[in-house]
Amino acid sequence: MELLVTLFLIGIAAAVVLPRLTGSHQKLPLTAAAKDLAALMRLARSDAVTRSETMVIHLTTDPYRLVLVRAEDLERWQNSGQDLPATDPRRVYHLPAGITVERTVTEGDLRLPTNDIALFYPIGNSSGGRIVLTDTADRRETIQLDIVTGSVSIGADARS
């Protein structure tokens, strides 16, 4: 009898826990993409400060990727009408299939050209704004970029 009660309690616990684990597993690619993009942004800020140059995270659509480049180089490539050349793999992030990126601005954030996601300046500040990653199930991860300090935050803290 005690064994049946124990098995019954284990069954109830599994019925409650397993659906939650499945949901977390499905959101994993989106969460990983947010962490990878935040890491690329932190690298951009570091590069801007150490090189004393403005750095840009630029979205290309074919292939769908984010590229970290010097602002000067991006402008030159855009004026030439050619796509960005191959660059250091640590400075390129290929977005997973089904994940889209959108930059939203609030009052005080800089307005950027359409495919520029973020700018980082030599003194460590940035263009500011929120970057929203969305998957095919309309789940979202938000990255907040502070305009004054250039700091990057992900998730619940970024939504406030």
N, C-alpha and C. Protein backbone atom coordinates (compact mmCIF):
# COMPACT_ATOMS: atom_id res chain seq x y z
N MET A 1 0.82 -1.19 0.00
CA MET A 1 0.00 0.00 0.00
C MET A 1 0.87 1.27 0.00
N GLU A 2 1.93 1.26 0.82
CA GLU A 2 2.82 2.41 0.89
C GLU A 2 3.51 2.65 -0.45
N LEU A 3 3.83 1.56 -1.13
CA LEU A 3 4.46 1.66 -2.44
C LEU A 3 3.52 2.33 -3.44
N LEU A 4 2.25 2.00 -3.41
CA LEU A 4 1.27 2.61 -4.31
C LEU A 4 1.13 4.11 -4.05
N VAL A 5 1.11 4.49 -2.79
CA VAL A 5 1.01 5.91 -2.44
C VAL A 5 2.25 6.65 -2.93
N THR A 6 3.41 6.06 -2.76
CA THR A 6 4.66 6.67 -3.22
C THR A 6 4.66 6.84 -4.73
N LEU A 7 4.26 5.80 -5.46
CA LEU A 7 4.20 5.87 -6.92
C LEU A 7 3.18 6.91 -7.37
N PHE A 8 2.07 7.00 -6.67
CA PHE A 8 1.05 7.99 -7.00
C PHE A 8 1.61 9.41 -6.84
N LEU A 9 2.32 9.67 -5.75
CA LEU A 9 2.91 10.99 -5.52
C LEU A 9 3.97 11.32 -6.56
N ILE A 10 4.77 10.34 -6.94
CA ILE A 10 5.78 10.55 -7.98
C ILE A 10 5.11 10.88 -9.31
N GLY A 11 4.02 10.20 -9.61
CA GLY A 11 3.27 10.46 -10.85
C GLY A 11 2.71 11.87 -10.89
N ILE A 12 2.18 12.34 -9.78
CA ILE A 12 1.64 13.70 -9.72
C ILE A 12 2.76 14.72 -9.88
N ALA A 13 3.87 14.49 -9.21
CA ALA A 13 5.01 15.41 -9.33
C ALA A 13 5.52 15.47 -10.77
N ALA A 14 5.61 14.33 -11.43
CA ALA A 14 6.06 14.29 -12.82
C ALA A 14 5.08 15.02 -13.73
N ALA A 15 3.79 14.88 -13.47
CA ALA A 15 2.78 15.55 -14.29
C ALA A 15 2.88 17.07 -14.19
N VAL A 16 3.34 17.55 -13.06
CA VAL A 16 3.48 19.00 -12.87
C VAL A 16 4.80 19.51 -13.44
N VAL A 17 5.88 18.78 -13.24
CA VAL A 17 7.21 19.25 -13.61
C VAL A 17 7.51 19.08 -15.09
N LEU A 18 7.18 17.98 -15.69
CA LEU A 18 7.56 17.70 -17.08
C LEU A 18 7.06 18.74 -18.09
N PRO A 19 5.82 19.21 -18.04
CA PRO A 19 5.42 20.24 -19.00
C PRO A 19 6.25 21.51 -18.90
N ARG A 20 6.68 21.87 -17.70
CA ARG A 20 7.51 23.06 -17.54
C ARG A 20 8.89 22.87 -18.14
N LEU A 21 9.43 21.68 -18.03
CA LEU A 21 10.74 21.40 -18.62
C LEU A 21 10.68 21.47 -20.14
N THR A 22 9.58 21.00 -20.72
CA THR A 22 9.43 21.03 -22.18
C THR A 22 9.40 22.47 -22.68
N GLY A 23 8.69 23.35 -22.00
CA GLY A 23 8.62 24.75 -22.40
C GLY A 23 9.98 25.42 -22.35
N SER A 24 10.77 25.13 -21.34
CA SER A 24 12.11 25.71 -21.22
C SER A 24 13.00 25.23 -22.34
N HIS A 25 12.86 23.97 -22.69
CA HIS A 25 13.68 23.39 -23.76
C HIS A 25 13.37 24.05 -25.10
N GLN A 26 12.11 24.37 -25.35
CA GLN A 26 11.73 24.98 -26.63
C GLN A 26 12.25 26.41 -26.75
N LYS A 27 12.42 27.10 -25.64
CA LYS A 27 12.90 28.49 -25.67
C LYS A 27 14.42 28.58 -25.68
N LEU A 28 15.10 27.46 -25.54
CA LEU A 28 16.55 27.44 -25.43
C LEU A 28 17.27 28.15 -26.58
N PRO A 29 16.91 27.90 -27.86
CA PRO A 29 17.61 28.60 -28.96
C PRO A 29 17.47 30.13 -28.87
N LEU A 30 16.31 30.60 -28.46
CA LEU A 30 16.08 32.04 -28.34
C LEU A 30 16.93 32.62 -27.21
N THR A 31 16.97 31.94 -26.08
CA THR A 31 17.78 32.39 -24.95
C THR A 31 19.26 32.39 -25.31
N ALA A 32 19.70 31.35 -25.99
CA ALA A 32 21.11 31.28 -26.42
C ALA A 32 21.43 32.40 -27.40
N ALA A 33 20.52 32.70 -28.32
CA ALA A 33 20.74 33.78 -29.28
C ALA A 33 20.87 35.13 -28.56
N ALA A 34 20.04 35.35 -27.55
CA ALA A 34 20.12 36.60 -26.79
C ALA A 34 21.46 36.72 -26.07
N LYS A 35 21.92 35.62 -25.48
CA LYS A 35 23.21 35.64 -24.79
C LYS A 35 24.36 35.86 -25.77
N ASP A 36 24.29 35.24 -26.94
CA ASP A 36 25.34 35.41 -27.95
C ASP A 36 25.38 36.84 -28.47
N LEU A 37 24.20 37.42 -28.73
CA LEU A 37 24.15 38.80 -29.20
C LEU A 37 24.65 39.77 -28.12
N ALA A 38 24.30 39.53 -26.88
CA ALA A 38 24.79 40.37 -25.79
C ALA A 38 26.32 40.29 -25.69
N ALA A 39 26.86 39.10 -25.88
CA ALA A 39 28.32 38.93 -25.86
C ALA A 39 28.97 39.71 -27.01
N LEU A 40 28.35 39.67 -28.19
CA LEU A 40 28.87 40.43 -29.33
C LEU A 40 28.83 41.93 -29.03
N MET A 41 27.77 42.38 -28.37
CA MET A 41 27.67 43.80 -28.01
C MET A 41 28.75 44.19 -27.00
N ARG A 42 29.02 43.33 -26.05
CA ARG A 42 30.08 43.63 -25.07
C ARG A 42 31.44 43.67 -25.75
N LEU A 43 31.65 42.79 -26.72
CA LEU A 43 32.89 42.82 -27.49
C LEU A 43 32.99 44.12 -28.28
N ALA A 44 31.87 44.56 -28.86
CA ALA A 44 31.85 45.82 -29.62
C ALA A 44 32.23 47.00 -28.74
N ARG A 45 31.68 47.05 -27.53
CA ARG A 45 32.02 48.13 -26.60
C ARG A 45 33.50 48.09 -26.25
N SER A 46 34.00 46.90 -25.96
CA SER A 46 35.41 46.74 -25.62
C SER A 46 36.31 47.18 -26.78
N ASP A 47 35.96 46.75 -28.00
CA ASP A 47 36.73 47.15 -29.18
C ASP A 47 36.72 48.67 -29.37
N ALA A 48 35.55 49.28 -29.19
CA ALA A 48 35.44 50.73 -29.38
C ALA A 48 36.37 51.48 -28.42
N VAL A 49 36.41 51.03 -27.18
CA VAL A 49 37.24 51.70 -26.18
C VAL A 49 38.72 51.43 -26.43
N THR A 50 39.10 50.19 -26.67
CA THR A 50 40.52 49.87 -26.83
C THR A 50 41.10 50.39 -28.14
N ARG A 51 40.29 50.45 -29.19
CA ARG A 51 40.77 50.93 -30.49
C ARG A 51 40.55 52.43 -30.69
N SER A 52 39.78 53.04 -29.80
CA SER A 52 39.39 54.46 -29.94
C SER A 52 38.70 54.72 -31.27
N GLU A 53 37.78 53.82 -31.62
CA GLU A 53 37.02 53.95 -32.88
C GLU A 53 35.56 53.59 -32.62
N THR A 54 34.68 54.17 -33.42
CA THR A 54 33.26 53.82 -33.33
C THR A 54 33.05 52.47 -33.98
N MET A 55 32.35 51.58 -33.26
CA MET A 55 32.06 50.24 -33.75
C MET A 55 30.56 50.09 -33.96
N VAL A 56 30.19 49.32 -34.98
CA VAL A 56 28.78 49.13 -35.34
C VAL A 56 28.46 47.64 -35.36
N ILE A 57 27.29 47.29 -34.85
CA ILE A 57 26.76 45.94 -35.07
C ILE A 57 25.71 46.10 -36.15
N HIS A 58 25.97 45.48 -37.30
CA HIS A 58 25.16 45.66 -38.50
C HIS A 58 24.48 44.34 -38.87
N LEU A 59 23.21 44.42 -39.23
CA LEU A 59 22.44 43.24 -39.63
C LEU A 59 22.46 43.11 -41.15
N THR A 60 22.92 41.97 -41.64
CA THR A 60 22.84 41.69 -43.08
C THR A 60 21.73 40.67 -43.29
N THR A 61 21.06 40.76 -44.43
CA THR A 61 19.92 39.88 -44.66
C THR A 61 20.25 38.67 -45.51
N ASP A 62 21.33 38.70 -46.24
CA ASP A 62 21.67 37.54 -47.07
C ASP A 62 23.18 37.31 -47.01
N PRO A 63 23.68 36.52 -46.12
CA PRO A 63 22.97 35.69 -45.14
C PRO A 63 22.51 36.51 -43.94
N TYR A 64 21.55 35.96 -43.20
CA TYR A 64 20.97 36.63 -42.03
C TYR A 64 21.95 36.51 -40.87
N ARG A 65 22.69 37.59 -40.62
CA ARG A 65 23.74 37.56 -39.60
C ARG A 65 23.96 38.95 -39.04
N LEU A 66 24.63 39.01 -37.91
CA LEU A 66 25.04 40.27 -37.30
C LEU A 66 26.55 40.34 -37.38
N VAL A 67 27.05 41.49 -37.84
CA VAL A 67 28.48 41.65 -38.05
C VAL A 67 28.97 42.86 -37.26
N LEU A 68 30.07 42.68 -36.55
CA LEU A 68 30.71 43.77 -35.81
C LEU A 68 31.82 44.34 -36.68
N VAL A 69 31.68 45.63 -37.04
CA VAL A 69 32.67 46.29 -37.90
C VAL A 69 32.93 47.72 -37.40
N ARG A 70 34.04 48.27 -37.86
CA ARG A 70 34.31 49.69 -37.61
C ARG A 70 33.31 50.51 -38.42
N ALA A 71 32.82 51.60 -37.86
CA ALA A 71 31.85 52.44 -38.55
C ALA A 71 32.41 52.95 -39.87
N GLU A 72 33.69 53.29 -39.87
CA GLU A 72 34.36 53.79 -41.07
C GLU A 72 34.34 52.74 -42.19
N ASP A 73 34.63 51.48 -41.84
CA ASP A 73 34.62 50.41 -42.83
C ASP A 73 33.22 50.14 -43.36
N LEU A 74 32.22 50.16 -42.48
CA LEU A 74 30.84 49.92 -42.90
C LEU A 74 30.39 50.97 -43.90
N GLU A 75 30.70 52.22 -43.62
CA GLU A 75 30.31 53.30 -44.53
C GLU A 75 30.99 53.13 -45.90
N ARG A 76 32.26 52.77 -45.90
CA ARG A 76 32.98 52.57 -47.15
C ARG A 76 32.37 51.42 -47.95
N TRP A 77 32.05 50.30 -47.28
CA TRP A 77 31.46 49.15 -47.98
C TRP A 77 30.06 49.47 -48.50
N GLN A 78 29.28 50.23 -47.73
CA GLN A 78 27.94 50.59 -48.18
C GLN A 78 28.01 51.51 -49.40
N ASN A 79 28.95 52.43 -49.41
CA ASN A 79 29.10 53.34 -50.55
C ASN A 79 29.58 52.62 -51.80
N SER A 80 30.30 51.51 -51.64
CA SER A 80 30.79 50.76 -52.79
C SER A 80 29.71 49.87 -53.40
N GLY A 81 28.59 49.68 -52.68
CA GLY A 81 27.51 48.85 -53.19
C GLY A 81 27.75 47.36 -53.03
N GLN A 82 28.80 46.99 -52.34
CA GLN A 82 29.11 45.57 -52.15
C GLN A 82 28.69 45.13 -50.75
N ASP A 83 28.58 43.81 -50.58
CA ASP A 83 28.27 43.26 -49.27
C ASP A 83 29.52 43.32 -48.40
N LEU A 84 29.33 43.21 -47.11
CA LEU A 84 30.47 43.19 -46.20
C LEU A 84 31.36 42.00 -46.52
N PRO A 85 32.66 42.21 -46.59
CA PRO A 85 33.55 41.09 -46.85
C PRO A 85 33.64 40.16 -45.65
N ALA A 86 34.25 39.02 -45.87
CA ALA A 86 34.46 38.07 -44.77
C ALA A 86 35.26 38.76 -43.68
N THR A 87 34.94 38.47 -42.47
CA THR A 87 35.60 39.10 -41.34
C THR A 87 35.92 38.05 -40.28
N ASP A 88 36.58 38.46 -39.24
CA ASP A 88 36.93 37.58 -38.13
C ASP A 88 35.68 36.86 -37.62
N PRO A 89 35.69 35.53 -37.55
CA PRO A 89 34.51 34.78 -37.11
C PRO A 89 34.01 35.16 -35.72
N ARG A 90 34.89 35.67 -34.86
CA ARG A 90 34.45 36.11 -33.53
C ARG A 90 33.59 37.36 -33.61
N ARG A 91 33.63 38.03 -34.74
CA ARG A 91 32.88 39.27 -34.91
C ARG A 91 31.67 39.11 -35.83
N VAL A 92 31.28 37.86 -36.08
CA VAL A 92 30.11 37.57 -36.90
C VAL A 92 29.22 36.60 -36.13
N TYR A 93 27.93 36.90 -36.08
CA TYR A 93 26.99 35.99 -35.42
C TYR A 93 25.89 35.64 -36.40
N HIS A 94 25.83 34.37 -36.78
CA HIS A 94 24.76 33.88 -37.67
C HIS A 94 23.55 33.56 -36.81
N LEU A 95 22.45 34.23 -37.09
CA LEU A 95 21.24 34.02 -36.30
C LEU A 95 20.63 32.66 -36.60
N PRO A 96 20.15 31.96 -35.57
CA PRO A 96 19.49 30.67 -35.80
C PRO A 96 18.23 30.85 -36.65
N ALA A 97 17.88 29.81 -37.38
CA ALA A 97 16.68 29.85 -38.23
C ALA A 97 15.45 30.17 -37.37
N GLY A 98 14.60 31.03 -37.88
CA GLY A 98 13.35 31.35 -37.19
C GLY A 98 13.45 32.45 -36.16
N ILE A 99 14.62 33.01 -35.95
CA ILE A 99 14.77 34.09 -34.96
C ILE A 99 14.99 35.41 -35.70
N THR A 100 14.19 36.40 -35.35
CA THR A 100 14.30 37.72 -35.96
C THR A 100 14.80 38.72 -34.93
N VAL A 101 15.40 39.80 -35.42
CA VAL A 101 15.95 40.85 -34.56
C VAL A 101 15.31 42.17 -34.93
N GLU A 102 14.91 42.92 -33.91
CA GLU A 102 14.33 44.24 -34.14
C GLU A 102 14.85 45.19 -33.08
N ARG A 103 15.21 46.38 -33.50
CA ARG A 103 15.69 47.40 -32.55
C ARG A 103 14.57 48.40 -32.32
N THR A 104 14.26 48.66 -31.07
CA THR A 104 13.26 49.67 -30.74
C THR A 104 13.96 50.78 -29.97
N VAL A 105 13.49 51.99 -30.19
CA VAL A 105 14.10 53.14 -29.52
C VAL A 105 13.07 53.83 -28.65
N THR A 106 13.54 54.43 -27.59
CA THR A 106 12.70 55.25 -26.73
C THR A 106 13.26 56.66 -26.75
N GLU A 107 12.60 57.56 -26.08
CA GLU A 107 13.06 58.94 -26.06
C GLU A 107 14.48 59.01 -25.50
N GLY A 108 15.34 59.68 -26.21
CA GLY A 108 16.73 59.81 -25.78
C GLY A 108 17.68 58.87 -26.49
N ASP A 109 17.16 57.78 -27.07
CA ASP A 109 18.01 56.85 -27.81
C ASP A 109 18.28 57.41 -29.21
N LEU A 110 19.42 57.07 -29.76
CA LEU A 110 19.76 57.53 -31.11
C LEU A 110 19.00 56.73 -32.16
N ARG A 111 18.56 57.40 -33.19
CA ARG A 111 17.94 56.73 -34.33
C ARG A 111 19.07 56.32 -35.27
N LEU A 112 19.02 55.07 -35.70
CA LEU A 112 20.08 54.52 -36.54
C LEU A 112 19.53 54.13 -37.90
N PRO A 113 20.41 54.00 -38.91
CA PRO A 113 19.96 53.45 -40.18
C PRO A 113 19.32 52.07 -39.96
N THR A 114 18.45 51.67 -40.85
CA THR A 114 17.63 50.48 -40.71
C THR A 114 18.37 49.24 -40.22
N ASN A 115 19.48 48.90 -40.82
CA ASN A 115 20.15 47.63 -40.48
C ASN A 115 21.25 47.76 -39.43
N ASP A 116 21.42 48.93 -38.87
CA ASP A 116 22.38 49.08 -37.78
C ASP A 116 21.66 48.80 -36.47
N ILE A 117 22.15 47.82 -35.73
CA ILE A 117 21.51 47.41 -34.48
C ILE A 117 22.04 48.24 -33.31
N ALA A 118 23.33 48.53 -33.30
CA ALA A 118 23.91 49.29 -32.19
C ALA A 118 25.22 49.93 -32.61
N LEU A 119 25.51 51.09 -32.03
CA LEU A 119 26.79 51.77 -32.19
C LEU A 119 27.44 51.90 -30.82
N PHE A 120 28.76 51.73 -30.79
CA PHE A 120 29.53 51.90 -29.57
C PHE A 120 30.65 52.88 -29.86
N TYR A 121 30.84 53.84 -28.95
CA TYR A 121 31.77 54.93 -29.16
C TYR A 121 33.03 54.76 -28.31
N PRO A 122 34.12 55.47 -28.69
CA PRO A 122 35.40 55.30 -28.00
C PRO A 122 35.39 55.57 -26.49
N ILE A 123 34.46 56.37 -26.01
CA ILE A 123 34.43 56.63 -24.56
C ILE A 123 33.57 55.61 -23.81
N GLY A 124 33.03 54.62 -24.52
CA GLY A 124 32.29 53.54 -23.87
C GLY A 124 30.78 53.66 -23.92
N ASN A 125 30.27 54.80 -24.37
CA ASN A 125 28.81 54.92 -24.46
C ASN A 125 28.30 54.28 -25.74
N SER A 126 26.97 54.29 -25.93
CA SER A 126 26.39 53.58 -27.07
C SER A 126 25.19 54.34 -27.62
N SER A 127 24.58 53.78 -28.65
CA SER A 127 23.38 54.35 -29.25
C SER A 127 22.15 54.11 -28.39
N GLY A 128 22.22 53.20 -27.43
CA GLY A 128 21.08 52.90 -26.57
C GLY A 128 20.00 52.11 -27.32
N GLY A 129 18.91 51.86 -26.64
CA GLY A 129 17.77 51.17 -27.25
C GLY A 129 17.58 49.76 -26.72
N ARG A 130 16.54 49.14 -27.23
CA ARG A 130 16.23 47.75 -26.89
C ARG A 130 16.29 46.93 -28.16
N ILE A 131 16.86 45.76 -28.03
CA ILE A 131 16.92 44.83 -29.15
C ILE A 131 16.03 43.66 -28.74
N VAL A 132 15.03 43.38 -29.57
CA VAL A 132 14.07 42.32 -29.27
C VAL A 132 14.29 41.18 -30.25
N LEU A 133 14.56 40.00 -29.71
CA LEU A 133 14.68 38.79 -30.51
C LEU A 133 13.37 38.02 -30.37
N THR A 134 12.83 37.55 -31.49
CA THR A 134 11.56 36.84 -31.50
C THR A 134 11.72 35.54 -32.26
N ASP A 135 11.11 34.46 -31.75
CA ASP A 135 11.15 33.19 -32.48
C ASP A 135 9.81 32.95 -33.17
N THR A 136 9.69 31.81 -33.84
CA THR A 136 8.49 31.52 -34.62
C THR A 136 7.25 31.32 -33.76
N ALA A 137 7.41 31.01 -32.48
CA ALA A 137 6.28 30.86 -31.56
C ALA A 137 5.94 32.19 -30.88
N ASP A 138 6.53 33.29 -31.36
CA ASP A 138 6.32 34.64 -30.84
C ASP A 138 6.80 34.80 -29.39
N ARG A 139 7.76 33.97 -28.98
CA ARG A 139 8.43 34.17 -27.69
C ARG A 139 9.49 35.25 -27.90
N ARG A 140 9.74 36.03 -26.87
CA ARG A 140 10.67 37.16 -27.01
C ARG A 140 11.73 37.16 -25.93
N GLU A 141 12.90 37.65 -26.31
CA GLU A 141 13.98 37.96 -25.37
C GLU A 141 14.38 39.40 -25.66
N THR A 142 14.58 40.18 -24.63
CA THR A 142 14.91 41.59 -24.79
C THR A 142 16.31 41.87 -24.26
N ILE A 143 17.05 42.65 -25.03
CA ILE A 143 18.37 43.11 -24.61
C ILE A 143 18.29 44.63 -24.51
N GLN A 144 18.66 45.15 -23.35
CA GLN A 144 18.65 46.60 -23.14
C GLN A 144 20.07 47.13 -23.26
N LEU A 145 20.22 48.21 -24.01
CA LEU A 145 21.52 48.83 -24.22
C LEU A 145 21.47 50.24 -23.63
N ASP A 146 22.28 50.50 -22.62
CA ASP A 146 22.29 51.80 -21.95
C ASP A 146 23.04 52.82 -22.79
N ILE A 147 22.41 53.96 -23.04
CA ILE A 147 23.00 54.97 -23.91
C ILE A 147 24.21 55.67 -23.27
N VAL A 148 24.22 55.80 -21.95
CA VAL A 148 25.29 56.53 -21.27
C VAL A 148 26.51 55.65 -21.00
N THR A 149 26.28 54.47 -20.46
CA THR A 149 27.40 53.61 -20.06
C THR A 149 27.75 52.54 -21.09
N GLY A 150 26.84 52.27 -22.02
CA GLY A 150 27.07 51.21 -23.00
C GLY A 150 26.86 49.82 -22.44
N SER A 151 26.35 49.73 -21.21
CA SER A 151 26.16 48.41 -20.60
C SER A 151 25.02 47.65 -21.28
N VAL A 152 25.13 46.33 -21.25
CA VAL A 152 24.18 45.44 -21.92
C VAL A 152 23.53 44.57 -20.86
N SER A 153 22.19 44.48 -20.87
CA SER A 153 21.49 43.58 -19.95
C SER A 153 20.43 42.79 -20.71
N ILE A 154 20.20 41.56 -20.24
CA ILE A 154 19.27 40.64 -20.91
C ILE A 154 18.15 40.27 -19.95
N GLY A 155 16.96 40.05 -20.51
CA GLY A 155 15.89 39.42 -19.76
C GLY A 155 15.05 40.36 -18.93
N ALA A 156 14.64 39.87 -17.76
CA ALA A 156 13.69 40.59 -16.91
C ALA A 156 14.17 42.00 -16.57
N ASP A 157 15.46 42.17 -16.30
CA ASP A 157 15.99 43.50 -15.97
C ASP A 157 15.87 44.44 -17.16
N ALA A 158 15.95 43.88 -18.39
CA ALA A 158 15.90 44.71 -19.59
C ALA A 158 14.49 45.15 -19.91
N ARG A 159 13.48 44.49 -19.36
CA ARG A 159 12.09 44.80 -19.70
C ARG A 159 11.51 45.93 -18.87
N SER A 160 12.15 46.29 -17.80
CA SER A 160 11.59 47.32 -16.91
C SER A 160 11.70 48.70 -17.52
